[in-house]
Amino acid sequence: MVDVKGRWALITGAARGIGYLSALFMAKQGCNLILHSRSLEHTKRVLEEVKAAGVEAYAVEADLNDLTAVDRMLKEIDGLGVNVDIVLNNAGLQIAYRTEYFKTPAEDYLVSFNVNTIAPAMICYHFMPKMIERGFGRILNTTSGIRLEPEQAGYSASKAALDKITIDLGKTVQGTDVMINLTDPGWCRTDLGGPHAPNAPESAIPGIVIGAFVDDKKSGRFLGAQNFTGMTLEDAVKKAEAEFDSPY
């Protein structure tokens, strides 16, 4: 199992929900953090909490629908002078639920793909070469289990595209200590999931970040968080390595 103590992780969408819980969990493991949200104001609380846990942390801001802002954020992270070893592309946008789905506007796709596909891809492309050069890295891209719902076409299509990017990139590093995998919190009672979701946000821990700790050089996997609910980190890592294989 990977020891993340002293390493640096970037978590997008860290101000609330699954991102917030992931930040607290990683801090407890001794991982230093770069916390992203749309506004620095949003990450004030989590920044204070992870620092209180004894780790170093910075906050950065960017609207992921603004790709210029994403690029500016990446340059700011470079300026921090730290090596980002772990990326959790957690931030996502479920833009609308269209009951009249034949009238789905093009804007649904444009915004969904910017936030859920292109911005995470930009982040992968930025940090993966550095990880490869150093010989270590973990990237987790958050996907979704939504299927057969044209009412959410923009969201589900953008996540399917992210799945494809992740699996294709994974083939290039398969068998190395740079690993890129998919994760999915399941349907949780967050701002995105809504109040009627069957799962508490806490049920996604530790599964949502398990890809940061696995150490078997396998990429392109779907590591659904609900498979590890209630497990210790050590047992969850053992299960992930024993039961979840690469698609190559």
C-alpha atoms as a PDB file:
ATOM      1  CA  MET A   1       0.000   0.000   0.000  1.00  0.00           C
ATOM      2  CA  VAL A   2       1.271   3.454  -0.907  1.00  0.00           C
ATOM      3  CA  ASP A   3       2.294   5.706   1.964  1.00  0.00           C
ATOM      4  CA  VAL A   4       1.043   9.195   1.025  1.00  0.00           C
ATOM      5  CA  LYS A   5       2.575  10.955   4.012  1.00  0.00           C
ATOM      6  CA  GLY A   6       4.435  14.030   2.813  1.00  0.00           C
ATOM      7  CA  ARG A   7       3.206  13.699  -0.772  1.00  0.00           C
ATOM      8  CA  TRP A   8       1.063  16.358  -2.470  1.00  0.00           C
ATOM      9  CA  ALA A   9      -2.435  15.766  -3.833  1.00  0.00           C
ATOM     10  CA  LEU A  10      -4.653  18.046  -5.897  1.00  0.00           C
ATOM     11  CA  ILE A  11      -8.364  17.622  -5.197  1.00  0.00           C
ATOM     12  CA  THR A  12     -10.830  19.472  -7.403  1.00  0.00           C
ATOM     13  CA  GLY A  13     -14.213  20.377  -5.974  1.00  0.00           C
ATOM     14  CA  ALA A  14     -12.777  20.152  -2.464  1.00  0.00           C
ATOM     15  CA  ALA A  15     -15.084  22.642  -0.766  1.00  0.00           C
ATOM     16  CA  ARG A  16     -18.028  20.334  -0.164  1.00  0.00           C
ATOM     17  CA  GLY A  17     -19.491  16.869  -0.550  1.00  0.00           C
ATOM     18  CA  ILE A  18     -17.242  14.020  -1.620  1.00  0.00           C
ATOM     19  CA  GLY A  19     -14.305  16.332  -2.328  1.00  0.00           C
ATOM     20  CA  TYR A  20     -14.447  17.770   1.167  1.00  0.00           C
ATOM     21  CA  LEU A  21     -14.582  14.319   2.780  1.00  0.00           C
ATOM     22  CA  SER A  22     -11.739  13.142   0.561  1.00  0.00           C
ATOM     23  CA  ALA A  23      -9.608  16.090   1.628  1.00  0.00           C
ATOM     24  CA  LEU A  24     -10.154  15.341   5.308  1.00  0.00           C
ATOM     25  CA  PHE A  25      -9.365  11.658   4.778  1.00  0.00           C
ATOM     26  CA  MET A  26      -6.180  12.349   2.840  1.00  0.00           C
ATOM     27  CA  ALA A  27      -5.055  14.840   5.472  1.00  0.00           C
ATOM     28  CA  LYS A  28      -5.479  12.171   8.142  1.00  0.00           C
ATOM     29  CA  GLN A  29      -3.075  10.001   6.140  1.00  0.00           C
ATOM     30  CA  GLY A  30      -0.514  12.819   6.239  1.00  0.00           C
ATOM     31  CA  CYS A  31      -0.961  13.925   2.628  1.00  0.00           C
ATOM     32  CA  ASN A  32      -0.363  17.588   1.800  1.00  0.00           C
ATOM     33  CA  LEU A  33      -3.154  19.128  -0.238  1.00  0.00           C
ATOM     34  CA  ILE A  34      -3.946  21.597  -2.986  1.00  0.00           C
ATOM     35  CA  LEU A  35      -7.656  22.306  -2.672  1.00  0.00           C
ATOM     36  CA  HIS A  36      -9.599  23.563  -5.674  1.00  0.00           C
ATOM     37  CA  SER A  37     -12.969  25.240  -5.796  1.00  0.00           C
ATOM     38  CA  ARG A  38     -14.614  27.932  -7.904  1.00  0.00           C
ATOM     39  CA  SER A  39     -13.792  30.546  -5.266  1.00  0.00           C
ATOM     40  CA  LEU A  40     -11.169  30.745  -2.527  1.00  0.00           C
ATOM     41  CA  GLU A  41     -13.976  31.757  -0.209  1.00  0.00           C
ATOM     42  CA  HIS A  42     -15.500  28.312  -0.591  1.00  0.00           C
ATOM     43  CA  THR A  43     -12.402  26.434   0.583  1.00  0.00           C
ATOM     44  CA  LYS A  44     -11.697  28.522   3.696  1.00  0.00           C
ATOM     45  CA  ARG A  45     -13.214  25.964   6.065  1.00  0.00           C
ATOM     46  CA  VAL A  46     -11.612  22.838   4.595  1.00  0.00           C
ATOM     47  CA  LEU A  47      -8.250  24.617   4.291  1.00  0.00           C
ATOM     48  CA  GLU A  48      -8.314  25.388   8.010  1.00  0.00           C
ATOM     49  CA  GLU A  49      -9.407  21.848   8.894  1.00  0.00           C
ATOM     50  CA  VAL A  50      -6.711  20.040   6.925  1.00  0.00           C
ATOM     51  CA  LYS A  51      -4.012  22.366   8.239  1.00  0.00           C
ATOM     52  CA  ALA A  52      -5.270  21.619  11.752  1.00  0.00           C
ATOM     53  CA  ALA A  53      -4.645  17.940  10.954  1.00  0.00           C
ATOM     54  CA  GLY A  54      -0.966  18.787  10.585  1.00  0.00           C
ATOM     55  CA  VAL A  55      -0.447  18.869   6.828  1.00  0.00           C
ATOM     56  CA  GLU A  56       0.542  21.650   4.458  1.00  0.00           C
ATOM     57  CA  ALA A  57      -2.181  22.957   2.189  1.00  0.00           C
ATOM     58  CA  TYR A  58      -2.952  25.584  -0.429  1.00  0.00           C
ATOM     59  CA  ALA A  59      -6.200  26.687  -2.031  1.00  0.00           C
ATOM     60  CA  VAL A  60      -6.644  27.503  -5.717  1.00  0.00           C
ATOM     61  CA  GLU A  61      -9.669  28.676  -7.653  1.00  0.00           C
ATOM     62  CA  ALA A  62     -11.002  28.173 -11.164  1.00  0.00           C
ATOM     63  CA  ASP A  63     -14.367  27.855 -12.844  1.00  0.00           C
ATOM     64  CA  LEU A  64     -13.868  24.604 -14.752  1.00  0.00           C
ATOM     65  CA  ASN A  65     -16.247  25.865 -17.443  1.00  0.00           C
ATOM     66  CA  ASP A  66     -13.651  28.552 -18.182  1.00  0.00           C
ATOM     67  CA  LEU A  67     -10.715  26.723 -19.751  1.00  0.00           C
ATOM     68  CA  THR A  68      -8.560  29.851 -19.608  1.00  0.00           C
ATOM     69  CA  ALA A  69      -9.088  29.880 -15.845  1.00  0.00           C
ATOM     70  CA  VAL A  70      -8.116  26.200 -15.681  1.00  0.00           C
ATOM     71  CA  ASP A  71      -4.875  26.930 -17.491  1.00  0.00           C
ATOM     72  CA  ARG A  72      -4.202  29.851 -15.159  1.00  0.00           C
ATOM     73  CA  MET A  73      -4.808  27.585 -12.136  1.00  0.00           C
ATOM     74  CA  LEU A  74      -2.337  25.001 -13.441  1.00  0.00           C
ATOM     75  CA  LYS A  75       0.325  27.675 -13.851  1.00  0.00           C
ATOM     76  CA  GLU A  76      -0.380  28.845 -10.288  1.00  0.00           C
ATOM     77  CA  ILE A  77       0.078  25.295  -8.984  1.00  0.00           C
ATOM     78  CA  ASP A  78       3.386  25.033 -10.841  1.00  0.00           C
ATOM     79  CA  GLY A  79       4.447  28.219  -9.097  1.00  0.00           C
ATOM     80  CA  LEU A  80       3.968  26.630  -5.680  1.00  0.00           C
ATOM     81  CA  GLY A  81       7.163  24.664  -6.184  1.00  0.00           C
ATOM     82  CA  VAL A  82       5.734  21.302  -5.098  1.00  0.00           C
ATOM     83  CA  ASN A  83       5.471  17.967  -6.888  1.00  0.00           C
ATOM     84  CA  VAL A  84       1.858  16.903  -7.396  1.00  0.00           C
ATOM     85  CA  ASP A  85       1.943  13.118  -7.017  1.00  0.00           C
ATOM     86  CA  ILE A  86      -1.804  12.498  -6.695  1.00  0.00           C
ATOM     87  CA  VAL A  87      -4.750  14.020  -8.562  1.00  0.00           C
ATOM     88  CA  LEU A  88      -8.377  13.481  -7.667  1.00  0.00           C
ATOM     89  CA  ASN A  89     -10.489  14.976 -10.440  1.00  0.00           C
ATOM     90  CA  ASN A  90     -13.570  15.063  -8.257  1.00  0.00           C
ATOM     91  CA  ALA A  91     -15.365  18.245  -9.371  1.00  0.00           C
ATOM     92  CA  GLY A  92     -18.331  17.701 -11.640  1.00  0.00           C
ATOM     93  CA  LEU A  93     -21.495  19.370 -12.878  1.00  0.00           C
ATOM     94  CA  GLN A  94     -24.865  17.776 -13.474  1.00  0.00           C
ATOM     95  CA  ILE A  95     -26.328  20.590 -15.490  1.00  0.00           C
ATOM     96  CA  ALA A  96     -30.009  19.687 -15.813  1.00  0.00           C
ATOM     97  CA  TYR A  97     -32.669  16.987 -15.816  1.00  0.00           C
ATOM     98  CA  ARG A  98     -34.598  17.372 -19.068  1.00  0.00           C
ATOM     99  CA  THR A  99     -37.966  15.626 -19.035  1.00  0.00           C
ATOM    100  CA  GLU A 100     -38.452  16.879 -22.597  1.00  0.00           C
ATOM    101  CA  TYR A 101     -35.132  15.426 -23.590  1.00  0.00           C
ATOM    102  CA  PHE A 102     -35.660  15.864 -27.341  1.00  0.00           C
ATOM    103  CA  LYS A 103     -35.345  19.577 -26.633  1.00  0.00           C
ATOM    104  CA  THR A 104     -31.996  19.262 -24.862  1.00  0.00           C
ATOM    105  CA  PRO A 105     -30.079  22.457 -25.717  1.00  0.00           C
ATOM    106  CA  ALA A 106     -26.566  22.335 -27.119  1.00  0.00           C
ATOM    107  CA  GLU A 107     -25.430  24.382 -24.116  1.00  0.00           C
ATOM    108  CA  ASP A 108     -25.993  21.330 -21.892  1.00  0.00           C
ATOM    109  CA  TYR A 109     -23.292  19.502 -23.822  1.00  0.00           C
ATOM    110  CA  LEU A 110     -20.914  22.439 -24.091  1.00  0.00           C
ATOM    111  CA  VAL A 111     -20.908  23.181 -20.361  1.00  0.00           C
ATOM    112  CA  SER A 112     -20.943  19.508 -19.311  1.00  0.00           C
ATOM    113  CA  PHE A 113     -18.002  18.636 -21.529  1.00  0.00           C
ATOM    114  CA  ASN A 114     -15.974  21.645 -20.379  1.00  0.00           C
ATOM    115  CA  VAL A 115     -16.444  20.828 -16.697  1.00  0.00           C
ATOM    116  CA  ASN A 116     -16.636  17.035 -16.700  1.00  0.00           C
ATOM    117  CA  THR A 117     -14.341  16.097 -19.581  1.00  0.00           C
ATOM    118  CA  ILE A 118     -12.066  18.789 -20.963  1.00  0.00           C
ATOM    119  CA  ALA A 119     -10.950  20.380 -17.679  1.00  0.00           C
ATOM    120  CA  PRO A 120     -10.084  16.998 -16.099  1.00  0.00           C
ATOM    121  CA  ALA A 121      -8.284  16.008 -19.304  1.00  0.00           C
ATOM    122  CA  MET A 122      -6.254  19.245 -19.207  1.00  0.00           C
ATOM    123  CA  ILE A 123      -5.283  18.445 -15.622  1.00  0.00           C
ATOM    124  CA  CYS A 124      -4.251  14.896 -16.582  1.00  0.00           C
ATOM    125  CA  TYR A 125      -2.205  16.123 -19.537  1.00  0.00           C
ATOM    126  CA  HIS A 126      -0.498  18.702 -17.342  1.00  0.00           C
ATOM    127  CA  PHE A 127       0.555  16.441 -14.484  1.00  0.00           C
ATOM    128  CA  MET A 128       1.020  12.995 -16.062  1.00  0.00           C
ATOM    129  CA  PRO A 129       4.266  13.800 -17.927  1.00  0.00           C
ATOM    130  CA  LYS A 130       5.769  15.140 -14.698  1.00  0.00           C
ATOM    131  CA  MET A 131       4.664  11.979 -12.875  1.00  0.00           C
ATOM    132  CA  ILE A 132       6.186   9.790 -15.591  1.00  0.00           C
ATOM    133  CA  GLU A 133       9.454  11.708 -15.383  1.00  0.00           C
ATOM    134  CA  ARG A 134       9.598  11.215 -11.594  1.00  0.00           C
ATOM    135  CA  GLY A 135       8.459   7.583 -11.817  1.00  0.00           C
ATOM    136  CA  PHE A 136       5.419   7.902  -9.553  1.00  0.00           C
ATOM    137  CA  GLY A 137       1.876   9.202  -9.784  1.00  0.00           C
ATOM    138  CA  ARG A 138      -1.768   8.439  -9.101  1.00  0.00           C
ATOM    139  CA  ILE A 139      -4.713  10.000 -10.967  1.00  0.00           C
ATOM    140  CA  LEU A 140      -8.344   9.303 -10.182  1.00  0.00           C
ATOM    141  CA  ASN A 141     -11.030  10.560 -12.530  1.00  0.00           C
ATOM    142  CA  THR A 142     -14.540  10.589 -11.104  1.00  0.00           C
ATOM    143  CA  THR A 143     -17.120   9.016 -13.363  1.00  0.00           C
ATOM    144  CA  SER A 144     -20.823   8.229 -12.979  1.00  0.00           C
ATOM    145  CA  GLY A 145     -23.004   5.158 -13.015  1.00  0.00           C
ATOM    146  CA  ILE A 146     -25.869   6.945 -14.786  1.00  0.00           C
ATOM    147  CA  ARG A 147     -27.029   4.904 -17.770  1.00  0.00           C
ATOM    148  CA  LEU A 148     -30.054   4.851 -20.077  1.00  0.00           C
ATOM    149  CA  GLU A 149     -31.276   8.295 -19.032  1.00  0.00           C
ATOM    150  CA  PRO A 150     -31.565  10.670 -21.992  1.00  0.00           C
ATOM    151  CA  GLU A 151     -32.917  13.163 -19.460  1.00  0.00           C
ATOM    152  CA  GLN A 152     -29.286  13.683 -18.362  1.00  0.00           C
ATOM    153  CA  ALA A 153     -27.623  13.330 -21.734  1.00  0.00           C
ATOM    154  CA  GLY A 154     -25.072  16.133 -21.355  1.00  0.00           C
ATOM    155  CA  TYR A 155     -23.849  14.848 -18.028  1.00  0.00           C
ATOM    156  CA  SER A 156     -23.738  11.136 -18.889  1.00  0.00           C
ATOM    157  CA  ALA A 157     -22.115  11.722 -22.288  1.00  0.00           C
ATOM    158  CA  SER A 158     -19.405  13.895 -20.736  1.00  0.00           C
ATOM    159  CA  LYS A 159     -18.646  11.238 -18.133  1.00  0.00           C
ATOM    160  CA  ALA A 160     -18.544   8.518 -20.798  1.00  0.00           C
ATOM    161  CA  ALA A 161     -16.003  10.612 -22.685  1.00  0.00           C
ATOM    162  CA  LEU A 162     -13.915  10.957 -19.513  1.00  0.00           C
ATOM    163  CA  ASP A 163     -14.039   7.169 -19.108  1.00  0.00           C
ATOM    164  CA  LYS A 164     -12.628   6.777 -22.628  1.00  0.00           C
ATOM    165  CA  ILE A 165      -9.840   9.285 -22.042  1.00  0.00           C
ATOM    166  CA  THR A 166      -8.899   7.617 -18.762  1.00  0.00           C
ATOM    167  CA  ILE A 167      -8.790   4.094 -20.167  1.00  0.00           C
ATOM    168  CA  ASP A 168      -6.811   5.180 -23.233  1.00  0.00           C
ATOM    169  CA  LEU A 169      -4.276   7.112 -21.133  1.00  0.00           C
ATOM    170  CA  GLY A 170      -4.011   4.180 -18.758  1.00  0.00           C
ATOM    171  CA  LYS A 171      -2.740   1.932 -21.536  1.00  0.00           C
ATOM    172  CA  THR A 172       0.281   4.212 -21.969  1.00  0.00           C
ATOM    173  CA  VAL A 173       1.428   3.751 -18.352  1.00  0.00           C
ATOM    174  CA  GLN A 174       0.219   0.217 -17.671  1.00  0.00           C
ATOM    175  CA  GLY A 175       2.807  -1.734 -15.701  1.00  0.00           C
ATOM    176  CA  THR A 176       4.472   1.395 -14.309  1.00  0.00           C
ATOM    177  CA  ASP A 177       4.192   3.226 -11.009  1.00  0.00           C
ATOM    178  CA  VAL A 178       2.112   5.953 -12.663  1.00  0.00           C
ATOM    179  CA  MET A 179      -1.482   4.820 -12.452  1.00  0.00           C
ATOM    180  CA  ILE A 180      -4.696   6.413 -13.727  1.00  0.00           C
ATOM    181  CA  ASN A 181      -8.037   4.894 -12.798  1.00  0.00           C
ATOM    182  CA  LEU A 182     -11.735   5.705 -12.587  1.00  0.00           C
ATOM    183  CA  THR A 183     -13.694   6.139  -9.394  1.00  0.00           C
ATOM    184  CA  ASP A 184     -17.378   6.653  -8.665  1.00  0.00           C
ATOM    185  CA  PRO A 185     -18.863   7.617  -5.297  1.00  0.00           C
ATOM    186  CA  GLY A 186     -22.230   6.087  -6.141  1.00  0.00           C
ATOM    187  CA  TRP A 187     -25.489   7.959  -5.737  1.00  0.00           C
ATOM    188  CA  CYS A 188     -24.910   9.961  -2.561  1.00  0.00           C
ATOM    189  CA  ARG A 189     -26.846  12.659  -0.751  1.00  0.00           C
ATOM    190  CA  THR A 190     -24.691  15.570  -1.893  1.00  0.00           C
ATOM    191  CA  ASP A 191     -25.611  18.818  -3.618  1.00  0.00           C
ATOM    192  CA  LEU A 192     -25.194  16.995  -6.921  1.00  0.00           C
ATOM    193  CA  GLY A 193     -26.903  13.751  -5.884  1.00  0.00           C
ATOM    194  CA  GLY A 194     -29.826  15.415  -4.128  1.00  0.00           C
ATOM    195  CA  PRO A 195     -31.613  14.638  -0.857  1.00  0.00           C
ATOM    196  CA  HIS A 196     -33.277  11.422  -2.038  1.00  0.00           C
ATOM    197  CA  ALA A 197     -30.108   9.525  -2.913  1.00  0.00           C
ATOM    198  CA  PRO A 198     -29.797   6.192  -1.078  1.00  0.00           C
ATOM    199  CA  ASN A 199     -26.219   6.609   0.155  1.00  0.00           C
ATOM    200  CA  ALA A 200     -24.687   8.903   2.739  1.00  0.00           C
ATOM    201  CA  PRO A 201     -21.653  10.814   1.449  1.00  0.00           C
ATOM    202  CA  GLU A 202     -19.540   9.105   4.096  1.00  0.00           C
ATOM    203  CA  SER A 203     -20.215   5.747   2.421  1.00  0.00           C
ATOM    204  CA  ALA A 204     -17.836   6.804  -0.380  1.00  0.00           C
ATOM    205  CA  ILE A 205     -14.875   6.825   2.027  1.00  0.00           C
ATOM    206  CA  PRO A 206     -12.352   5.213   1.676  1.00  0.00           C
ATOM    207  CA  GLY A 207     -13.369   3.855  -1.737  1.00  0.00           C
ATOM    208  CA  ILE A 208     -13.389   7.157  -3.575  1.00  0.00           C
ATOM    209  CA  VAL A 209      -9.646   7.612  -2.963  1.00  0.00           C
ATOM    210  CA  ILE A 210      -8.558   3.971  -2.986  1.00  0.00           C
ATOM    211  CA  GLY A 211      -6.794   4.478  -6.311  1.00  0.00           C
ATOM    212  CA  ALA A 212      -4.280   6.735  -4.564  1.00  0.00           C
ATOM    213  CA  PHE A 213      -3.171   3.859  -2.342  1.00  0.00           C
ATOM    214  CA  VAL A 214      -3.152   0.791  -4.591  1.00  0.00           C
ATOM    215  CA  ASP A 215       0.344  -0.327  -5.567  1.00  0.00           C
ATOM    216  CA  ASP A 216      -0.046  -2.955  -8.268  1.00  0.00           C
ATOM    217  CA  LYS A 217       0.823  -0.929 -11.399  1.00  0.00           C
ATOM    218  CA  LYS A 218      -2.625  -1.401 -12.987  1.00  0.00           C
ATOM    219  CA  SER A 219      -4.534   1.375 -14.732  1.00  0.00           C
ATOM    220  CA  GLY A 220      -7.855   1.858 -16.509  1.00  0.00           C
ATOM    221  CA  ARG A 221      -9.929   0.228 -13.768  1.00  0.00           C
ATOM    222  CA  PHE A 222     -13.329   1.231 -12.430  1.00  0.00           C
ATOM    223  CA  LEU A 223     -12.950   1.405  -8.651  1.00  0.00           C
ATOM    224  CA  GLY A 224     -16.521   2.111  -7.542  1.00  0.00           C
ATOM    225  CA  ALA A 225     -16.475   3.508  -4.017  1.00  0.00           C
ATOM    226  CA  GLN A 226     -19.533   1.595  -2.807  1.00  0.00           C
ATOM    227  CA  ASN A 227     -17.558  -1.647  -3.177  1.00  0.00           C
ATOM    228  CA  PHE A 228     -15.453  -0.578  -0.197  1.00  0.00           C
ATOM    229  CA  THR A 229     -17.991   0.990   2.159  1.00  0.00           C
ATOM    230  CA  GLY A 230     -17.239   0.353   5.824  1.00  0.00           C
ATOM    231  CA  MET A 231     -13.818  -1.164   5.157  1.00  0.00           C
ATOM    232  CA  THR A 232     -10.512  -0.090   6.638  1.00  0.00           C
ATOM    233  CA  LEU A 233      -8.107   1.505   4.197  1.00  0.00           C
ATOM    234  CA  GLU A 234      -5.796  -1.510   4.377  1.00  0.00           C
ATOM    235  CA  ASP A 235      -8.572  -4.009   3.655  1.00  0.00           C
ATOM    236  CA  ALA A 236      -9.972  -1.831   0.870  1.00  0.00           C
ATOM    237  CA  VAL A 237      -6.572  -1.697  -0.828  1.00  0.00           C
ATOM    238  CA  LYS A 238      -6.254  -5.486  -0.625  1.00  0.00           C
ATOM    239  CA  LYS A 239      -9.716  -5.918  -2.139  1.00  0.00           C
ATOM    240  CA  ALA A 240      -9.017  -3.440  -4.945  1.00  0.00           C
ATOM    241  CA  GLU A 241      -5.775  -5.148  -5.892  1.00  0.00           C
ATOM    242  CA  ALA A 242      -7.233  -8.657  -5.690  1.00  0.00           C
ATOM    243  CA  GLU A 243     -10.592  -8.158  -7.376  1.00  0.00           C
ATOM    244  CA  PHE A 244     -10.303  -5.258  -9.839  1.00  0.00           C
ATOM    245  CA  ASP A 245      -8.237  -5.816 -12.958  1.00  0.00           C
ATOM    246  CA  SER A 246      -7.168  -3.612 -15.840  1.00  0.00           C
ATOM    247  CA  PRO A 247      -9.206  -3.788 -19.066  1.00  0.00           C
ATOM    248  CA  TYR A 248      -6.173  -4.263 -21.315  1.00  0.00           C
END
